[in-house]
């Protein structure tokens, strides 16, 4: 007798192997979509922070938008060694109501920026822009720093 076809057992085994492979691919696709969504959020957050930096870079050194409004970044480094002598972070990490400035929100993103005067040296302001958003129930943030000097 010659073999002219597949037995039912062989067909069932092939379908089982195919199903297992397709399930693995489907799981990989779900993980890929989730990762892409998180990457898109991070990219948008960094882009908003960079846009805010670009806007601030064009302002004069003494502009009101470059002021340390709560005073926690001013004179915290009297010996000019680059370290906060009060043990803090010059108020650069403040968000919410504690931030020096809070421009309007952009969609799901909240933008804050803080100023530290004479940090790390005199005639220089350190500006930290922090963008905060929620992704899948977890708070995320993107931070960009720059230094604005008083050009004479």
C-alpha atoms as a PDB file:
ATOM      1  CA  UNK A   1       0.000   0.000   0.000  1.00  0.00           C
ATOM      2  CA  UNK A   2       1.399   3.430  -0.903  1.00  0.00           C
ATOM      3  CA  UNK A   3       1.209   6.587   1.220  1.00  0.00           C
ATOM      4  CA  UNK A   4      -1.151   8.886  -0.617  1.00  0.00           C
ATOM      5  CA  UNK A   5      -2.144  11.367   2.082  1.00  0.00           C
ATOM      6  CA  UNK A   6      -1.827  12.502   5.658  1.00  0.00           C
ATOM      7  CA  UNK A   7      -3.449  10.868   8.601  1.00  0.00           C
ATOM      8  CA  UNK A   8      -5.770  12.797  10.875  1.00  0.00           C
ATOM      9  CA  UNK A   9      -3.170  12.640  13.633  1.00  0.00           C
ATOM     10  CA  UNK A  10      -0.523  14.290  11.443  1.00  0.00           C
ATOM     11  CA  UNK A  11      -2.928  17.064  10.439  1.00  0.00           C
ATOM     12  CA  UNK A  12      -3.839  17.762  14.085  1.00  0.00           C
ATOM     13  CA  UNK A  13      -0.158  17.909  15.065  1.00  0.00           C
ATOM     14  CA  UNK A  14       0.582  20.366  12.239  1.00  0.00           C
ATOM     15  CA  UNK A  15      -2.368  22.586  13.240  1.00  0.00           C
ATOM     16  CA  UNK A  16      -1.165  22.548  16.881  1.00  0.00           C
ATOM     17  CA  UNK A  17       2.341  23.619  15.905  1.00  0.00           C
ATOM     18  CA  UNK A  18       0.979  26.347  13.606  1.00  0.00           C
ATOM     19  CA  UNK A  19      -1.365  27.612  16.363  1.00  0.00           C
ATOM     20  CA  UNK A  20       1.493  27.782  18.869  1.00  0.00           C
ATOM     21  CA  UNK A  21       3.592  29.797  16.397  1.00  0.00           C
ATOM     22  CA  UNK A  22       0.748  32.198  15.579  1.00  0.00           C
ATOM     23  CA  UNK A  23       0.087  32.750  19.285  1.00  0.00           C
ATOM     24  CA  UNK A  24       3.742  33.695  19.821  1.00  0.00           C
ATOM     25  CA  UNK A  25       3.593  36.168  16.909  1.00  0.00           C
ATOM     26  CA  UNK A  26       0.359  37.713  18.251  1.00  0.00           C
ATOM     27  CA  UNK A  27       1.942  38.199  21.691  1.00  0.00           C
ATOM     28  CA  UNK A  28       4.989  39.787  20.094  1.00  0.00           C
ATOM     29  CA  UNK A  29       2.764  42.179  18.111  1.00  0.00           C
ATOM     30  CA  UNK A  30       0.963  43.288  21.288  1.00  0.00           C
ATOM     31  CA  UNK A  31       4.256  43.965  23.044  1.00  0.00           C
ATOM     32  CA  UNK A  32       5.522  45.867  20.002  1.00  0.00           C
ATOM     33  CA  UNK A  33       2.418  48.073  19.866  1.00  0.00           C
ATOM     34  CA  UNK A  34       2.730  48.863  23.592  1.00  0.00           C
ATOM     35  CA  UNK A  35       6.437  49.716  23.204  1.00  0.00           C
ATOM     36  CA  UNK A  36       5.745  51.963  20.215  1.00  0.00           C
ATOM     37  CA  UNK A  37       3.051  53.805  22.161  1.00  0.00           C
ATOM     38  CA  UNK A  38       5.435  54.446  25.055  1.00  0.00           C
ATOM     39  CA  UNK A  39       8.166  55.585  22.670  1.00  0.00           C
ATOM     40  CA  UNK A  40       5.745  57.979  20.981  1.00  0.00           C
ATOM     41  CA  UNK A  41       4.848  59.513  24.374  1.00  0.00           C
ATOM     42  CA  UNK A  42       8.508  59.980  25.243  1.00  0.00           C
ATOM     43  CA  UNK A  43       9.279  61.503  21.843  1.00  0.00           C
ATOM     44  CA  UNK A  44       6.390  63.953  22.150  1.00  0.00           C
ATOM     45  CA  UNK A  45       7.450  64.872  25.699  1.00  0.00           C
ATOM     46  CA  UNK A  46      11.057  65.548  24.684  1.00  0.00           C
ATOM     47  CA  UNK A  47       9.887  67.539  21.647  1.00  0.00           C
ATOM     48  CA  UNK A  48       7.683  69.755  23.839  1.00  0.00           C
ATOM     49  CA  UNK A  49      10.585  70.288  26.256  1.00  0.00           C
ATOM     50  CA  UNK A  50      12.919  71.211  23.397  1.00  0.00           C
ATOM     51  CA  UNK A  51      10.316  73.617  21.982  1.00  0.00           C
ATOM     52  CA  UNK A  52      10.112  75.347  25.368  1.00  0.00           C
ATOM     53  CA  UNK A  53      13.927  75.538  25.546  1.00  0.00           C
ATOM     54  CA  UNK A  54      14.060  77.125  22.086  1.00  0.00           C
ATOM     55  CA  UNK A  55      11.530  79.745  23.155  1.00  0.00           C
ATOM     56  CA  UNK A  56      13.459  80.548  26.344  1.00  0.00           C
ATOM     57  CA  UNK A  57      16.823  80.720  24.563  1.00  0.00           C
ATOM     58  CA  UNK A  58      15.583  83.671  22.524  1.00  0.00           C
ATOM     59  CA  UNK A  59      14.679  85.746  25.588  1.00  0.00           C
ATOM     60  CA  UNK A  60      16.966  88.330  27.183  1.00  0.00           C
ATOM     61  CA  UNK A  61      18.801  87.231  30.335  1.00  0.00           C
ATOM     62  CA  UNK A  62      16.672  89.460  32.605  1.00  0.00           C
ATOM     63  CA  UNK A  63      13.292  88.587  31.068  1.00  0.00           C
ATOM     64  CA  UNK A  64      10.506  87.824  33.571  1.00  0.00           C
ATOM     65  CA  UNK A  65      10.090  84.357  32.040  1.00  0.00           C
ATOM     66  CA  UNK A  66      13.653  83.574  33.139  1.00  0.00           C
ATOM     67  CA  UNK A  67      13.124  84.585  36.768  1.00  0.00           C
ATOM     68  CA  UNK A  68      13.395  82.300  39.793  1.00  0.00           C
ATOM     69  CA  UNK A  69       9.929  83.176  41.081  1.00  0.00           C
ATOM     70  CA  UNK A  70      10.142  81.322  44.405  1.00  0.00           C
ATOM     71  CA  UNK A  71      13.780  82.101  45.247  1.00  0.00           C
ATOM     72  CA  UNK A  72      14.856  78.497  45.818  1.00  0.00           C
ATOM     73  CA  UNK A  73      17.466  78.619  43.060  1.00  0.00           C
ATOM     74  CA  UNK A  74      19.023  81.949  43.999  1.00  0.00           C
ATOM     75  CA  UNK A  75      22.150  82.296  46.141  1.00  0.00           C
ATOM     76  CA  UNK A  76      22.113  78.585  47.005  1.00  0.00           C
ATOM     77  CA  UNK A  77      25.731  78.360  45.859  1.00  0.00           C
ATOM     78  CA  UNK A  78      27.535  81.306  47.495  1.00  0.00           C
ATOM     79  CA  UNK A  79      30.989  79.713  47.255  1.00  0.00           C
ATOM     80  CA  UNK A  80      30.541  79.020  43.499  1.00  0.00           C
ATOM     81  CA  UNK A  81      31.678  75.413  43.752  1.00  0.00           C
ATOM     82  CA  UNK A  82      28.744  74.028  41.736  1.00  0.00           C
ATOM     83  CA  UNK A  83      27.120  72.372  44.771  1.00  0.00           C
ATOM     84  CA  UNK A  84      23.985  73.612  46.498  1.00  0.00           C
ATOM     85  CA  UNK A  85      25.178  74.637  49.967  1.00  0.00           C
ATOM     86  CA  UNK A  86      21.629  74.236  51.296  1.00  0.00           C
ATOM     87  CA  UNK A  87      21.651  70.571  50.279  1.00  0.00           C
ATOM     88  CA  UNK A  88      18.903  70.853  47.680  1.00  0.00           C
ATOM     89  CA  UNK A  89      18.629  70.745  43.918  1.00  0.00           C
ATOM     90  CA  UNK A  90      18.296  74.548  43.469  1.00  0.00           C
ATOM     91  CA  UNK A  91      14.558  73.979  43.022  1.00  0.00           C
ATOM     92  CA  UNK A  92      15.171  72.645  39.525  1.00  0.00           C
ATOM     93  CA  UNK A  93      13.058  69.503  40.009  1.00  0.00           C
ATOM     94  CA  UNK A  94       9.894  71.283  41.191  1.00  0.00           C
ATOM     95  CA  UNK A  95       6.653  70.472  39.401  1.00  0.00           C
ATOM     96  CA  UNK A  96       3.038  71.413  40.000  1.00  0.00           C
ATOM     97  CA  UNK A  97       2.415  74.486  42.134  1.00  0.00           C
ATOM     98  CA  UNK A  98       6.073  74.512  43.289  1.00  0.00           C
ATOM     99  CA  UNK A  99       7.478  75.116  39.801  1.00  0.00           C
ATOM    100  CA  UNK A 100       8.808  78.555  38.876  1.00  0.00           C
ATOM    101  CA  UNK A 101       6.776  78.621  35.641  1.00  0.00           C
ATOM    102  CA  UNK A 102       3.889  76.552  34.266  1.00  0.00           C
ATOM    103  CA  UNK A 103       3.053  77.280  30.607  1.00  0.00           C
ATOM    104  CA  UNK A 104      -0.318  76.055  29.293  1.00  0.00           C
ATOM    105  CA  UNK A 105      -0.772  72.288  29.043  1.00  0.00           C
ATOM    106  CA  UNK A 106      -0.462  70.663  25.622  1.00  0.00           C
ATOM    107  CA  UNK A 107      -2.979  67.825  25.419  1.00  0.00           C
ATOM    108  CA  UNK A 108      -2.066  65.260  28.040  1.00  0.00           C
ATOM    109  CA  UNK A 109       1.305  66.899  28.729  1.00  0.00           C
ATOM    110  CA  UNK A 110       1.968  69.368  31.562  1.00  0.00           C
ATOM    111  CA  UNK A 111       5.032  71.583  31.101  1.00  0.00           C
ATOM    112  CA  UNK A 112       6.984  73.122  33.986  1.00  0.00           C
ATOM    113  CA  UNK A 113      10.285  74.919  34.114  1.00  0.00           C
ATOM    114  CA  UNK A 114      12.513  76.102  36.915  1.00  0.00           C
ATOM    115  CA  UNK A 115      15.347  78.585  37.080  1.00  0.00           C
ATOM    116  CA  UNK A 116      18.495  78.521  39.223  1.00  0.00           C
ATOM    117  CA  UNK A 117      20.395  81.810  39.217  1.00  0.00           C
ATOM    118  CA  UNK A 118      24.220  81.873  39.337  1.00  0.00           C
ATOM    119  CA  UNK A 119      24.385  78.087  38.925  1.00  0.00           C
ATOM    120  CA  UNK A 120      26.960  76.740  38.231  1.00  0.00           C
ATOM    121  CA  UNK A 121      28.739  80.132  38.040  1.00  0.00           C
ATOM    122  CA  UNK A 122      27.803  83.789  38.245  1.00  0.00           C
ATOM    123  CA  UNK A 123      26.021  85.444  35.306  1.00  0.00           C
ATOM    124  CA  UNK A 124      24.547  82.067  34.300  1.00  0.00           C
ATOM    125  CA  UNK A 125      21.027  80.750  34.837  1.00  0.00           C
ATOM    126  CA  UNK A 126      20.340  77.037  34.701  1.00  0.00           C
ATOM    127  CA  UNK A 127      16.903  76.281  33.272  1.00  0.00           C
ATOM    128  CA  UNK A 128      15.287  72.855  33.623  1.00  0.00           C
ATOM    129  CA  UNK A 129      12.164  72.076  31.586  1.00  0.00           C
ATOM    130  CA  UNK A 130      10.109  69.140  32.869  1.00  0.00           C
ATOM    131  CA  UNK A 131       7.259  67.625  30.862  1.00  0.00           C
ATOM    132  CA  UNK A 132       4.930  65.299  32.780  1.00  0.00           C
ATOM    133  CA  UNK A 133       2.257  62.951  31.426  1.00  0.00           C
ATOM    134  CA  UNK A 134       0.438  59.749  32.345  1.00  0.00           C
ATOM    135  CA  UNK A 135       0.844  56.610  30.235  1.00  0.00           C
ATOM    136  CA  UNK A 136      -1.099  53.456  31.120  1.00  0.00           C
ATOM    137  CA  UNK A 137      -1.675  54.696  34.656  1.00  0.00           C
ATOM    138  CA  UNK A 138       1.999  55.465  35.330  1.00  0.00           C
ATOM    139  CA  UNK A 139       3.413  58.984  35.566  1.00  0.00           C
ATOM    140  CA  UNK A 140       6.203  59.649  33.069  1.00  0.00           C
ATOM    141  CA  UNK A 141       8.424  62.681  32.615  1.00  0.00           C
ATOM    142  CA  UNK A 142      11.029  64.097  30.283  1.00  0.00           C
ATOM    143  CA  UNK A 143      13.631  66.607  31.463  1.00  0.00           C
ATOM    144  CA  UNK A 144      15.854  68.932  29.431  1.00  0.00           C
ATOM    145  CA  UNK A 145      18.374  71.414  30.884  1.00  0.00           C
ATOM    146  CA  UNK A 146      20.147  74.404  29.393  1.00  0.00           C
ATOM    147  CA  UNK A 147      22.198  77.314  30.639  1.00  0.00           C
ATOM    148  CA  UNK A 148      21.519  80.934  29.746  1.00  0.00           C
ATOM    149  CA  UNK A 149      24.437  83.314  30.141  1.00  0.00           C
ATOM    150  CA  UNK A 150      24.332  87.074  30.557  1.00  0.00           C
ATOM    151  CA  UNK A 151      26.337  88.188  27.542  1.00  0.00           C
ATOM    152  CA  UNK A 152      27.942  91.555  28.081  1.00  0.00           C
END
